């Protein structure tokens, strides 16, 4: 039971961190575009 819990926690935490990083990247890109550092049609960088 403990092993199963740990595995599920790691998967859930990993997905949460990926989602948070994606949201942060989108926010940064919007700020950079607003500041004129990125052209408006810059595609999002590929996920690793």
Protein backbone atom coordinates (compact mmCIF):
# COMPACT_ATOMS: atom_id res chain seq x y z
CA UNK A 1 0.00 0.00 0.00
CA UNK A 2 2.77 2.43 0.89
CA UNK A 3 4.57 1.79 -2.40
CA UNK A 4 1.38 2.36 -4.38
CA UNK A 5 0.74 5.60 -2.50
CA UNK A 6 4.28 6.82 -3.15
CA UNK A 7 4.02 6.02 -6.86
CA UNK A 8 0.69 7.83 -7.21
CA UNK A 9 2.01 10.81 -5.25
CA UNK A 10 5.09 11.09 -7.46
CA UNK A 11 2.98 10.89 -10.63
CA UNK A 12 0.48 13.47 -9.37
CA UNK A 13 3.20 15.81 -8.13
CA UNK A 14 5.06 15.45 -11.42
CA UNK A 15 1.99 16.32 -13.48
CA UNK A 16 1.25 19.29 -11.19
CA UNK A 17 4.77 20.64 -11.63
CA UNK A 18 4.57 20.24 -15.42
CA UNK A 19 1.25 22.10 -15.48
CA UNK A 20 2.63 24.85 -13.24
CA UNK A 21 5.73 25.24 -15.41
CA UNK A 22 3.61 25.40 -18.58
CA UNK A 23 1.36 28.06 -17.05
CA UNK A 24 4.38 30.07 -15.90
CA UNK A 25 5.98 29.85 -19.35
CA UNK A 26 2.80 31.07 -21.04
CA UNK A 27 2.58 33.98 -18.58
CA UNK A 28 6.23 34.91 -19.21
CA UNK A 29 5.72 34.75 -22.98
CA UNK A 30 2.70 37.06 -22.72
CA UNK A 31 4.76 39.54 -20.69
CA UNK A 32 7.65 39.37 -23.15
CA UNK A 33 5.30 39.95 -26.09
CA UNK A 34 3.66 42.86 -24.26
CA UNK A 35 7.11 44.33 -23.62
CA UNK A 36 8.12 43.92 -27.26
CA UNK A 37 10.77 41.26 -26.58
CA UNK A 38 8.97 38.55 -28.55
CA UNK A 39 7.11 38.90 -31.84
CA UNK A 40 3.36 38.20 -31.47
CA UNK A 41 3.47 35.02 -33.57
CA UNK A 42 6.19 33.21 -31.61
CA UNK A 43 5.10 29.59 -31.11
CA UNK A 44 5.47 28.15 -27.61
CA UNK A 45 8.78 26.44 -26.99
CA UNK A 46 8.60 22.63 -27.19
CA UNK A 47 8.17 20.75 -23.95
CA UNK A 48 11.10 18.67 -22.78
